[in-house]
Amino acid sequence: MSPIFRRSGGRTEKSTEKSAGKRTEKKEPRERLVTLIGRPGCHLCDDAQSVIEKVCAEVGSSWEKKDITEDAELHRAYWEQIPVVLVDGEQHTFWRVDEDRLRRELTA
């Protein structure tokens, strides 16, 4: 199987035809879940939360916040990238949250 390269968030990602051809069911914004992974005292996390709150309120999506200091697995996975934003469990971005990009993701 030959690799397929996709552009995502300014980066080129390699995937296989099998994974690239996987059909994903379109969800309504109110069915989407945004997860903010961060830690207390992180100013970038506070900035990310403000963007997430605003966009989720506009489009009707739910959001949750997880603290890496309370979860060893999240800490191992994300400690160098916080804040990390997941949409429906898949990493959307890290460090800075672009309001327009998050809105597009939730309404696509």
PDB file of N, CA and C in Angstrom:
ATOM      1  N   MET A   1       0.842  -1.168   0.000  1.00  0.00           N
ATOM      2  CA  MET A   1       0.000   0.000   0.000  1.00  0.00           C
ATOM      3  C   MET A   1       0.893   1.239   0.000  1.00  0.00           C
ATOM      4  N   SER A   2       0.672   2.139  -0.908  1.00  0.00           N
ATOM      5  CA  SER A   2       1.509   3.331  -1.000  1.00  0.00           C
ATOM      6  C   SER A   2       1.010   4.403  -0.035  1.00  0.00           C
ATOM      7  N   PRO A   3       1.917   5.217   0.505  1.00  0.00           N
ATOM      8  CA  PRO A   3       1.503   6.242   1.451  1.00  0.00           C
ATOM      9  C   PRO A   3       0.807   7.404   0.749  1.00  0.00           C
ATOM     10  N   ILE A   4      -0.060   8.044   1.493  1.00  0.00           N
ATOM     11  CA  ILE A   4      -0.751   9.244   1.040  1.00  0.00           C
ATOM     12  C   ILE A   4      -0.367  10.344   2.015  1.00  0.00           C
ATOM     13  N   PHE A   5      -0.064  11.523   1.510  1.00  0.00           N
ATOM     14  CA  PHE A   5       0.315  12.630   2.366  1.00  0.00           C
ATOM     15  C   PHE A   5      -0.819  13.644   2.388  1.00  0.00           C
ATOM     16  N   ARG A   6      -1.182  14.066   3.598  1.00  0.00           N
ATOM     17  CA  ARG A   6      -2.244  15.052   3.765  1.00  0.00           C
ATOM     18  C   ARG A   6      -1.668  16.277   4.446  1.00  0.00           C
ATOM     19  N   ARG A   7      -2.224  17.430   4.137  1.00  0.00           N
ATOM     20  CA  ARG A   7      -1.852  18.655   4.842  1.00  0.00           C
ATOM     21  C   ARG A   7      -2.825  18.816   6.003  1.00  0.00           C
ATOM     22  N   SER A   8      -2.281  19.062   7.159  1.00  0.00           N
ATOM     23  CA  SER A   8      -3.119  19.235   8.330  1.00  0.00           C
ATOM     24  C   SER A   8      -2.439  20.216   9.273  1.00  0.00           C
ATOM     25  N   GLY A   9      -3.083  21.322   9.529  1.00  0.00           N
ATOM     26  CA  GLY A   9      -2.553  22.290  10.486  1.00  0.00           C
ATOM     27  C   GLY A   9      -1.166  22.787  10.140  1.00  0.00           C
ATOM     28  N   GLY A  10      -0.866  22.915   8.833  1.00  0.00           N
ATOM     29  CA  GLY A  10       0.424  23.427   8.429  1.00  0.00           C
ATOM     30  C   GLY A  10       1.502  22.373   8.328  1.00  0.00           C
ATOM     31  N   ARG A  11       1.160  21.125   8.660  1.00  0.00           N
ATOM     32  CA  ARG A  11       2.128  20.047   8.579  1.00  0.00           C
ATOM     33  C   ARG A  11       1.655  19.022   7.577  1.00  0.00           C
ATOM     34  N   THR A  12       2.594  18.307   6.997  1.00  0.00           N
ATOM     35  CA  THR A  12       2.257  17.215   6.101  1.00  0.00           C
ATOM     36  C   THR A  12       2.284  15.933   6.913  1.00  0.00           C
ATOM     37  N   GLU A  13       1.194  15.177   6.858  1.00  0.00           N
ATOM     38  CA  GLU A  13       1.111  13.937   7.596  1.00  0.00           C
ATOM     39  C   GLU A  13       1.070  12.771   6.627  1.00  0.00           C
ATOM     40  N   LYS A  14       1.752  11.709   6.978  1.00  0.00           N
ATOM     41  CA  LYS A  14       1.773  10.512   6.157  1.00  0.00           C
ATOM     42  C   LYS A  14       0.720   9.546   6.689  1.00  0.00           C
ATOM     43  N   SER A  15      -0.055   8.990   5.803  1.00  0.00           N
ATOM     44  CA  SER A  15      -1.015   7.973   6.205  1.00  0.00           C
ATOM     45  C   SER A  15      -1.098   6.932   5.108  1.00  0.00           C
ATOM     46  N   THR A  16      -1.685   5.805   5.434  1.00  0.00           N
ATOM     47  CA  THR A  16      -1.844   4.762   4.426  1.00  0.00           C
ATOM     48  C   THR A  16      -3.165   4.964   3.710  1.00  0.00           C
ATOM     49  N   GLU A  17      -3.297   4.336   2.556  1.00  0.00           N
ATOM     50  CA  GLU A  17      -4.554   4.461   1.818  1.00  0.00           C
ATOM     51  C   GLU A  17      -5.714   3.945   2.651  1.00  0.00           C
ATOM     52  N   LYS A  18      -5.466   2.889   3.405  1.00  0.00           N
ATOM     53  CA  LYS A  18      -6.517   2.314   4.223  1.00  0.00           C
ATOM     54  C   LYS A  18      -7.045   3.328   5.239  1.00  0.00           C
ATOM     55  N   SER A  19      -6.134   3.994   5.971  1.00  0.00           N
ATOM     56  CA  SER A  19      -6.588   4.966   6.963  1.00  0.00           C
ATOM     57  C   SER A  19      -7.119   6.234   6.304  1.00  0.00           C
ATOM     58  N   ALA A  20      -6.537   6.629   5.165  1.00  0.00           N
ATOM     59  CA  ALA A  20      -7.000   7.833   4.475  1.00  0.00           C
ATOM     60  C   ALA A  20      -8.389   7.624   3.878  1.00  0.00           C
ATOM     61  N   GLY A  21      -8.697   6.389   3.519  1.00  0.00           N
ATOM     62  CA  GLY A  21      -9.985   6.091   2.911  1.00  0.00           C
ATOM     63  C   GLY A  21     -11.071   5.793   3.925  1.00  0.00           C
ATOM     64  N   LYS A  22     -10.723   5.798   5.213  1.00  0.00           N
ATOM     65  CA  LYS A  22     -11.683   5.494   6.260  1.00  0.00           C
ATOM     66  C   LYS A  22     -12.774   6.561   6.273  1.00  0.00           C
ATOM     67  N   ARG A  23     -14.003   6.128   6.274  1.00  0.00           N
ATOM     68  CA  ARG A  23     -15.117   7.062   6.285  1.00  0.00           C
ATOM     69  C   ARG A  23     -15.399   7.496   7.705  1.00  0.00           C
ATOM     70  N   THR A  24     -15.557   8.784   7.872  1.00  0.00           N
ATOM     71  CA  THR A  24     -15.927   9.301   9.175  1.00  0.00           C
ATOM     72  C   THR A  24     -17.318   9.888   9.074  1.00  0.00           C
ATOM     73  N   GLU A  25     -18.111   9.617  10.074  1.00  0.00           N
ATOM     74  CA  GLU A  25     -19.476  10.096  10.106  1.00  0.00           C
ATOM     75  C   GLU A  25     -19.492  11.557  10.525  1.00  0.00           C
ATOM     76  N   LYS A  26     -20.195  12.378   9.769  1.00  0.00           N
ATOM     77  CA  LYS A  26     -20.274  13.803  10.097  1.00  0.00           C
ATOM     78  C   LYS A  26     -21.140  13.991  11.330  1.00  0.00           C
ATOM     79  N   LYS A  27     -20.630  14.774  12.252  1.00  0.00           N
ATOM     80  CA  LYS A  27     -21.351  15.056  13.487  1.00  0.00           C
ATOM     81  C   LYS A  27     -21.789  16.512  13.498  1.00  0.00           C
ATOM     82  N   GLU A  28     -22.901  16.746  14.129  1.00  0.00           N
ATOM     83  CA  GLU A  28     -23.372  18.110  14.349  1.00  0.00           C
ATOM     84  C   GLU A  28     -22.500  18.740  15.437  1.00  0.00           C
ATOM     85  N   PRO A  29     -22.330  20.068  15.418  1.00  0.00           N
ATOM     86  CA  PRO A  29     -21.511  20.717  16.446  1.00  0.00           C
ATOM     87  C   PRO A  29     -21.923  20.342  17.873  1.00  0.00           C
ATOM     88  N   ARG A  30     -23.218  20.194  18.122  1.00  0.00           N
ATOM     89  CA  ARG A  30     -23.677  19.858  19.481  1.00  0.00           C
ATOM     90  C   ARG A  30     -23.291  18.440  19.894  1.00  0.00           C
ATOM     91  N   GLU A  31     -22.882  17.613  18.948  1.00  0.00           N
ATOM     92  CA  GLU A  31     -22.432  16.244  19.236  1.00  0.00           C
ATOM     93  C   GLU A  31     -20.921  16.155  19.427  1.00  0.00           C
ATOM     94  N   ARG A  32     -20.218  17.261  19.247  1.00  0.00           N
ATOM     95  CA  ARG A  32     -18.754  17.279  19.322  1.00  0.00           C
ATOM     96  C   ARG A  32     -18.304  17.589  20.743  1.00  0.00           C
ATOM     97  N   LEU A  33     -17.138  17.058  21.114  1.00  0.00           N
ATOM     98  CA  LEU A  33     -16.564  17.320  22.426  1.00  0.00           C
ATOM     99  C   LEU A  33     -15.141  17.829  22.263  1.00  0.00           C
ATOM    100  N   VAL A  34     -14.889  18.985  22.846  1.00  0.00           N
ATOM    101  CA  VAL A  34     -13.557  19.581  22.854  1.00  0.00           C
ATOM    102  C   VAL A  34     -12.964  19.338  24.235  1.00  0.00           C
ATOM    103  N   THR A  35     -11.733  18.844  24.256  1.00  0.00           N
ATOM    104  CA  THR A  35     -11.033  18.592  25.507  1.00  0.00           C
ATOM    105  C   THR A  35      -9.794  19.470  25.568  1.00  0.00           C
ATOM    106  N   LEU A  36      -9.674  20.223  26.635  1.00  0.00           N
ATOM    107  CA  LEU A  36      -8.491  21.040  26.889  1.00  0.00           C
ATOM    108  C   LEU A  36      -7.634  20.311  27.914  1.00  0.00           C
ATOM    109  N   ILE A  37      -6.410  19.995  27.541  1.00  0.00           N
ATOM    110  CA  ILE A  37      -5.470  19.350  28.450  1.00  0.00           C
ATOM    111  C   ILE A  37      -4.422  20.385  28.836  1.00  0.00           C
ATOM    112  N   GLY A  38      -4.342  20.656  30.118  1.00  0.00           N
ATOM    113  CA  GLY A  38      -3.416  21.677  30.585  1.00  0.00           C
ATOM    114  C   GLY A  38      -3.031  21.451  32.030  1.00  0.00           C
ATOM    115  N   ARG A  39      -2.587  22.528  32.673  1.00  0.00           N
ATOM    116  CA  ARG A  39      -2.216  22.465  34.087  1.00  0.00           C
ATOM    117  C   ARG A  39      -2.486  23.824  34.727  1.00  0.00           C
ATOM    118  N   PRO A  40      -2.663  23.831  36.035  1.00  0.00           N
ATOM    119  CA  PRO A  40      -2.886  25.097  36.739  1.00  0.00           C
ATOM    120  C   PRO A  40      -1.674  26.018  36.608  1.00  0.00           C
ATOM    121  N   GLY A  41      -1.943  27.312  36.528  1.00  0.00           N
ATOM    122  CA  GLY A  41      -0.874  28.305  36.467  1.00  0.00           C
ATOM    123  C   GLY A  41      -0.264  28.488  35.093  1.00  0.00           C
ATOM    124  N   CYS A  42      -0.831  27.868  34.085  1.00  0.00           N
ATOM    125  CA  CYS A  42      -0.319  27.954  32.709  1.00  0.00           C
ATOM    126  C   CYS A  42      -1.088  29.058  31.970  1.00  0.00           C
ATOM    127  N   HIS A  43      -0.393  30.165  31.641  1.00  0.00           N
ATOM    128  CA  HIS A  43      -1.097  31.272  30.984  1.00  0.00           C
ATOM    129  C   HIS A  43      -1.583  30.892  29.586  1.00  0.00           C
ATOM    130  N   LEU A  44      -0.847  30.033  28.877  1.00  0.00           N
ATOM    131  CA  LEU A  44      -1.320  29.583  27.559  1.00  0.00           C
ATOM    132  C   LEU A  44      -2.584  28.734  27.699  1.00  0.00           C
ATOM    133  N   CYS A  45      -2.672  27.963  28.783  1.00  0.00           N
ATOM    134  CA  CYS A  45      -3.872  27.157  29.037  1.00  0.00           C
ATOM    135  C   CYS A  45      -5.073  28.068  29.290  1.00  0.00           C
ATOM    136  N   ASP A  46      -4.851  29.144  30.039  1.00  0.00           N
ATOM    137  CA  ASP A  46      -5.927  30.109  30.291  1.00  0.00           C
ATOM    138  C   ASP A  46      -6.390  30.760  28.988  1.00  0.00           C
ATOM    139  N   ASP A  47      -5.437  31.116  28.120  1.00  0.00           N
ATOM    140  CA  ASP A  47      -5.784  31.703  26.824  1.00  0.00           C
ATOM    141  C   ASP A  47      -6.576  30.708  25.984  1.00  0.00           C
ATOM    142  N   ALA A  48      -6.114  29.448  25.966  1.00  0.00           N
ATOM    143  CA  ALA A  48      -6.801  28.408  25.191  1.00  0.00           C
ATOM    144  C   ALA A  48      -8.222  28.216  25.709  1.00  0.00           C
ATOM    145  N   GLN A  49      -8.390  28.216  27.017  1.00  0.00           N
ATOM    146  CA  GLN A  49      -9.717  28.027  27.598  1.00  0.00           C
ATOM    147  C   GLN A  49     -10.669  29.142  27.163  1.00  0.00           C
ATOM    148  N   SER A  50     -10.181  30.364  27.122  1.00  0.00           N
ATOM    149  CA  SER A  50     -11.026  31.485  26.687  1.00  0.00           C
ATOM    150  C   SER A  50     -11.519  31.288  25.265  1.00  0.00           C
ATOM    151  N   VAL A  51     -10.624  30.858  24.374  1.00  0.00           N
ATOM    152  CA  VAL A  51     -11.008  30.615  22.976  1.00  0.00           C
ATOM    153  C   VAL A  51     -12.005  29.457  22.891  1.00  0.00           C
ATOM    154  N   ILE A  52     -11.713  28.377  23.598  1.00  0.00           N
ATOM    155  CA  ILE A  52     -12.590  27.204  23.571  1.00  0.00           C
ATOM    156  C   ILE A  52     -13.979  27.552  24.099  1.00  0.00           C
ATOM    157  N   GLU A  53     -14.048  28.250  25.219  1.00  0.00           N
ATOM    158  CA  GLU A  53     -15.342  28.654  25.780  1.00  0.00           C
ATOM    159  C   GLU A  53     -16.142  29.467  24.776  1.00  0.00           C
ATOM    160  N   LYS A  54     -15.490  30.418  24.134  1.00  0.00           N
ATOM    161  CA  LYS A  54     -16.175  31.289  23.173  1.00  0.00           C
ATOM    162  C   LYS A  54     -16.696  30.503  21.979  1.00  0.00           C
ATOM    163  N   VAL A  55     -15.827  29.712  21.357  1.00  0.00           N
ATOM    164  CA  VAL A  55     -16.213  28.980  20.152  1.00  0.00           C
ATOM    165  C   VAL A  55     -17.271  27.928  20.465  1.00  0.00           C
ATOM    166  N   CYS A  56     -17.104  27.194  21.550  1.00  0.00           N
ATOM    167  CA  CYS A  56     -18.088  26.164  21.895  1.00  0.00           C
ATOM    168  C   CYS A  56     -19.452  26.777  22.210  1.00  0.00           C
ATOM    169  N   ALA A  57     -19.467  27.924  22.866  1.00  0.00           N
ATOM    170  CA  ALA A  57     -20.734  28.611  23.135  1.00  0.00           C
ATOM    171  C   ALA A  57     -21.406  29.041  21.833  1.00  0.00           C
ATOM    172  N   GLU A  58     -20.615  29.497  20.882  1.00  0.00           N
ATOM    173  CA  GLU A  58     -21.167  29.947  19.593  1.00  0.00           C
ATOM    174  C   GLU A  58     -21.769  28.798  18.793  1.00  0.00           C
ATOM    175  N   VAL A  59     -21.070  27.664  18.737  1.00  0.00           N
ATOM    176  CA  VAL A  59     -21.500  26.571  17.855  1.00  0.00           C
ATOM    177  C   VAL A  59     -22.306  25.504  18.575  1.00  0.00           C
ATOM    178  N   GLY A  60     -22.342  25.545  19.908  1.00  0.00           N
ATOM    179  CA  GLY A  60     -23.142  24.591  20.670  1.00  0.00           C
ATOM    180  C   GLY A  60     -22.422  23.299  21.028  1.00  0.00           C
ATOM    181  N   SER A  61     -21.103  23.292  20.951  1.00  0.00           N
ATOM    182  CA  SER A  61     -20.336  22.101  21.311  1.00  0.00           C
ATOM    183  C   SER A  61     -20.055  22.079  22.811  1.00  0.00           C
ATOM    184  N   SER A  62     -19.836  20.876  23.333  1.00  0.00           N
ATOM    185  CA  SER A  62     -19.457  20.711  24.729  1.00  0.00           C
ATOM    186  C   SER A  62     -17.944  20.749  24.838  1.00  0.00           C
ATOM    187  N   TRP A  63     -17.466  21.101  26.034  1.00  0.00           N
ATOM    188  CA  TRP A  63     -16.028  21.063  26.255  1.00  0.00           C
ATOM    189  C   TRP A  63     -15.756  20.629  27.684  1.00  0.00           C
ATOM    190  N   GLU A  64     -14.542  20.094  27.878  1.00  0.00           N
ATOM    191  CA  GLU A  64     -14.113  19.662  29.197  1.00  0.00           C
ATOM    192  C   GLU A  64     -12.654  20.041  29.377  1.00  0.00           C
ATOM    193  N   LYS A  65     -12.219  20.040  30.622  1.00  0.00           N
ATOM    194  CA  LYS A  65     -10.845  20.407  30.945  1.00  0.00           C
ATOM    195  C   LYS A  65     -10.218  19.267  31.736  1.00  0.00           C
ATOM    196  N   LYS A  66      -8.997  18.878  31.354  1.00  0.00           N
ATOM    197  CA  LYS A  66      -8.267  17.830  32.068  1.00  0.00           C
ATOM    198  C   LYS A  66      -6.917  18.385  32.495  1.00  0.00           C
ATOM    199  N   ASP A  67      -6.525  18.042  33.717  1.00  0.00           N
ATOM    200  CA  ASP A  67      -5.300  18.537  34.339  1.00  0.00           C
ATOM    201  C   ASP A  67      -4.222  17.456  34.265  1.00  0.00           C
ATOM    202  N   ILE A  68      -3.113  17.745  33.585  1.00  0.00           N
ATOM    203  CA  ILE A  68      -2.063  16.739  33.446  1.00  0.00           C
ATOM    204  C   ILE A  68      -1.379  16.429  34.772  1.00  0.00           C
ATOM    205  N   THR A  69      -1.514  17.301  35.765  1.00  0.00           N
ATOM    206  CA  THR A  69      -0.895  17.027  37.061  1.00  0.00           C
ATOM    207  C   THR A  69      -1.673  15.978  37.847  1.00  0.00           C
ATOM    208  N   GLU A  70      -2.869  15.647  37.389  1.00  0.00           N
ATOM    209  CA  GLU A  70      -3.704  14.652  38.064  1.00  0.00           C
ATOM    210  C   GLU A  70      -3.815  13.351  37.284  1.00  0.00           C
ATOM    211  N   ASP A  71      -3.138  13.252  36.146  1.00  0.00           N
ATOM    212  CA  ASP A  71      -3.251  12.060  35.298  1.00  0.00           C
ATOM    213  C   ASP A  71      -1.879  11.736  34.707  1.00  0.00           C
ATOM    214  N   ALA A  72      -1.259  10.680  35.200  1.00  0.00           N
ATOM    215  CA  ALA A  72       0.109  10.322  34.774  1.00  0.00           C
ATOM    216  C   ALA A  72       0.182  10.022  33.285  1.00  0.00           C
ATOM    217  N   GLU A  73      -0.830   9.390  32.724  1.00  0.00           N
ATOM    218  CA  GLU A  73      -0.818   9.063  31.290  1.00  0.00           C
ATOM    219  C   GLU A  73      -0.875  10.325  30.436  1.00  0.00           C
ATOM    220  N   LEU A  74      -1.749  11.251  30.789  1.00  0.00           N
ATOM    221  CA  LEU A  74      -1.812  12.522  30.063  1.00  0.00           C
ATOM    222  C   LEU A  74      -0.503  13.290  30.218  1.00  0.00           C
ATOM    223  N   HIS A  75       0.073  13.259  31.392  1.00  0.00           N
ATOM    224  CA  HIS A  75       1.346  13.953  31.630  1.00  0.00           C
ATOM    225  C   HIS A  75       2.431  13.396  30.720  1.00  0.00           C
ATOM    226  N   ARG A  76       2.552  12.070  30.642  1.00  0.00           N
ATOM    227  CA  ARG A  76       3.556  11.451  29.768  1.00  0.00           C
ATOM    228  C   ARG A  76       3.332  11.823  28.305  1.00  0.00           C
ATOM    229  N   ALA A  77       2.091  11.825  27.895  1.00  0.00           N
ATOM    230  CA  ALA A  77       1.771  12.051  26.489  1.00  0.00           C
ATOM    231  C   ALA A  77       1.909  13.515  26.065  1.00  0.00           C
ATOM    232  N   TYR A  78       1.590  14.448  26.949  1.00  0.00           N
ATOM    233  CA  TYR A  78       1.422  15.831  26.506  1.00  0.00           C
ATOM    234  C   TYR A  78       2.224  16.881  27.266  1.00  0.00           C
ATOM    235  N   TRP A  79       3.053  16.550  28.239  1.00  0.00           N
ATOM    236  CA  TRP A  79       3.648  17.569  29.106  1.00  0.00           C
ATOM    237  C   TRP A  79       4.449  18.622  28.357  1.00  0.00           C
ATOM    238  N   GLU A  80       5.029  18.287  27.203  1.00  0.00           N
ATOM    239  CA  GLU A  80       5.799  19.280  26.448  1.00  0.00           C
ATOM    240  C   GLU A  80       4.931  20.127  25.508  1.00  0.00           C
ATOM    241  N   GLN A  81       3.677  19.770  25.356  1.00  0.00           N
ATOM    242  CA  GLN A  81       2.838  20.435  24.366  1.00  0.00           C
ATOM    243  C   GLN A  81       1.726  21.280  24.959  1.00  0.00           C
ATOM    244  N   ILE A  82       1.525  21.269  26.255  1.00  0.00           N
ATOM    245  CA  ILE A  82       0.338  21.935  26.796  1.00  0.00           C
ATOM    246  C   ILE A  82       0.328  23.430  26.507  1.00  0.00           C
ATOM    247  N   PRO A  83      -0.848  23.968  26.305  1.00  0.00           N
ATOM    248  CA  PRO A  83      -2.118  23.274  26.293  1.00  0.00           C
ATOM    249  C   PRO A  83      -2.316  22.476  25.004  1.00  0.00           C
ATOM    250  N   VAL A  84      -3.003  21.365  25.147  1.00  0.00           N
ATOM    251  CA  VAL A  84      -3.348  20.523  24.010  1.00  0.00           C
ATOM    252  C   VAL A  84      -4.866  20.522  23.890  1.00  0.00           C
ATOM    253  N   VAL A  85      -5.354  20.615  22.657  1.00  0.00           N
ATOM    254  CA  VAL A  85      -6.785  20.595  22.415  1.00  0.00           C
ATOM    255  C   VAL A  85      -7.116  19.364  21.578  1.00  0.00           C
ATOM    256  N   LEU A  86      -8.054  18.570  22.088  1.00  0.00           N
ATOM    257  CA  LEU A  86      -8.561  17.417  21.359  1.00  0.00           C
ATOM    258  C   LEU A  86      -9.982  17.729  20.907  1.00  0.00           C
ATOM    259  N   VAL A  87     -10.344  17.236  19.742  1.00  0.00           N
ATOM    260  CA  VAL A  87     -11.730  17.304  19.286  1.00  0.00           C
ATOM    261  C   VAL A  87     -12.164  15.866  19.064  1.00  0.00           C
ATOM    262  N   ASP A  88     -13.164  15.457  19.822  1.00  0.00           N
ATOM    263  CA  ASP A  88     -13.655  14.077  19.783  1.00  0.00           C
ATOM    264  C   ASP A  88     -12.519  13.074  19.987  1.00  0.00           C
ATOM    265  N   GLY A  89     -11.607  13.396  20.895  1.00  0.00           N
ATOM    266  CA  GLY A  89     -10.528  12.491  21.254  1.00  0.00           C
ATOM    267  C   GLY A  89      -9.310  12.511  20.354  1.00  0.00           C
ATOM    268  N   GLU A  90      -9.347  13.286  19.270  1.00  0.00           N
ATOM    269  CA  GLU A  90      -8.226  13.389  18.340  1.00  0.00           C
ATOM    270  C   GLU A  90      -7.557  14.739  18.520  1.00  0.00           C
ATOM    271  N   GLN A  91      -6.218  14.742  18.529  1.00  0.00           N
ATOM    272  CA  GLN A  91      -5.504  15.999  18.741  1.00  0.00           C
ATOM    273  C   GLN A  91      -5.795  16.985  17.623  1.00  0.00           C
ATOM    274  N   HIS A  92      -6.229  18.163  18.019  1.00  0.00           N
ATOM    275  CA  HIS A  92      -6.547  19.247  17.082  1.00  0.00           C
ATOM    276  C   HIS A  92      -5.373  20.227  16.985  1.00  0.00           C
ATOM    277  N   THR A  93      -4.827  20.627  18.130  1.00  0.00           N
ATOM    278  CA  THR A  93      -3.737  21.593  18.152  1.00  0.00           C
ATOM    279  C   THR A  93      -3.051  21.561  19.511  1.00  0.00           C
ATOM    280  N   PHE A  94      -1.984  22.320  19.624  1.00  0.00           N
ATOM    281  CA  PHE A  94      -1.325  22.509  20.911  1.00  0.00           C
ATOM    282  C   PHE A  94      -0.695  23.895  20.946  1.00  0.00           C
ATOM    283  N   TRP A  95      -0.342  24.337  22.138  1.00  0.00           N
ATOM    284  CA  TRP A  95       0.226  25.640  22.475  1.00  0.00           C
ATOM    285  C   TRP A  95      -0.743  26.788  22.253  1.00  0.00           C
ATOM    286  N   ARG A  96      -1.107  27.071  21.033  1.00  0.00           N
ATOM    287  CA  ARG A  96      -2.023  28.187  20.743  1.00  0.00           C
ATOM    288  C   ARG A  96      -3.247  27.670  19.992  1.00  0.00           C
ATOM    289  N   VAL A  97      -4.412  28.192  20.359  1.00  0.00           N
ATOM    290  CA  VAL A  97      -5.661  27.765  19.725  1.00  0.00           C
ATOM    291  C   VAL A  97      -6.124  28.873  18.791  1.00  0.00           C
ATOM    292  N   ASP A  98      -6.260  28.528  17.517  1.00  0.00           N
ATOM    293  CA  ASP A  98      -6.763  29.470  16.532  1.00  0.00           C
ATOM    294  C   ASP A  98      -8.295  29.370  16.520  1.00  0.00           C
ATOM    295  N   GLU A  99      -8.935  30.476  16.857  1.00  0.00           N
ATOM    296  CA  GLU A  99     -10.392  30.509  16.977  1.00  0.00           C
ATOM    297  C   GLU A  99     -11.093  30.077  15.690  1.00  0.00           C
ATOM    298  N   ASP A 100     -10.675  30.617  14.560  1.00  0.00           N
ATOM    299  CA  ASP A 100     -11.321  30.286  13.288  1.00  0.00           C
ATOM    300  C   ASP A 100     -11.114  28.829  12.909  1.00  0.00           C
ATOM    301  N   ARG A 101      -9.913  28.296  13.149  1.00  0.00           N
ATOM    302  CA  ARG A 101      -9.625  26.908  12.808  1.00  0.00           C
ATOM    303  C   ARG A 101     -10.477  25.964  13.682  1.00  0.00           C
ATOM    304  N   LEU A 102     -10.605  26.253  14.973  1.00  0.00           N
ATOM    305  CA  LEU A 102     -11.426  25.421  15.852  1.00  0.00           C
ATOM    306  C   LEU A 102     -12.891  25.479  15.420  1.00  0.00           C
ATOM    307  N   ARG A 103     -13.364  26.660  15.086  1.00  0.00           N
ATOM    308  CA  ARG A 103     -14.765  26.816  14.645  1.00  0.00           C
ATOM    309  C   ARG A 103     -15.015  25.990  13.374  1.00  0.00           C
ATOM    310  N   ARG A 104     -14.054  26.045  12.418  1.00  0.00           N
ATOM    311  CA  ARG A 104     -14.202  25.257  11.184  1.00  0.00           C
ATOM    312  C   ARG A 104     -14.239  23.763  11.487  1.00  0.00           C
ATOM    313  N   GLU A 105     -13.357  23.327  12.379  1.00  0.00           N
ATOM    314  CA  GLU A 105     -13.313  21.906  12.744  1.00  0.00           C
ATOM    315  C   GLU A 105     -14.642  21.447  13.334  1.00  0.00           C
ATOM    316  N   LEU A 106     -15.223  22.250  14.186  1.00  0.00           N
ATOM    317  CA  LEU A 106     -16.462  21.857  14.862  1.00  0.00           C
ATOM    318  C   LEU A 106     -17.672  21.927  13.959  1.00  0.00           C
ATOM    319  N   THR A 107     -17.623  22.716  12.922  1.00  0.00           N
ATOM    320  CA  THR A 107     -18.796  22.876  12.042  1.00  0.00           C
ATOM    321  C   THR A 107     -18.633  22.187  10.694  1.00  0.00           C
ATOM    322  N   ALA A 108     -17.488  21.545  10.475  1.00  0.00           N
ATOM    323  CA  ALA A 108     -17.243  20.880   9.184  1.00  0.00           C
ATOM    324  C   ALA A 108     -18.109  19.650   9.007  1.00  0.00           C
TER     325      ALA A 108
END
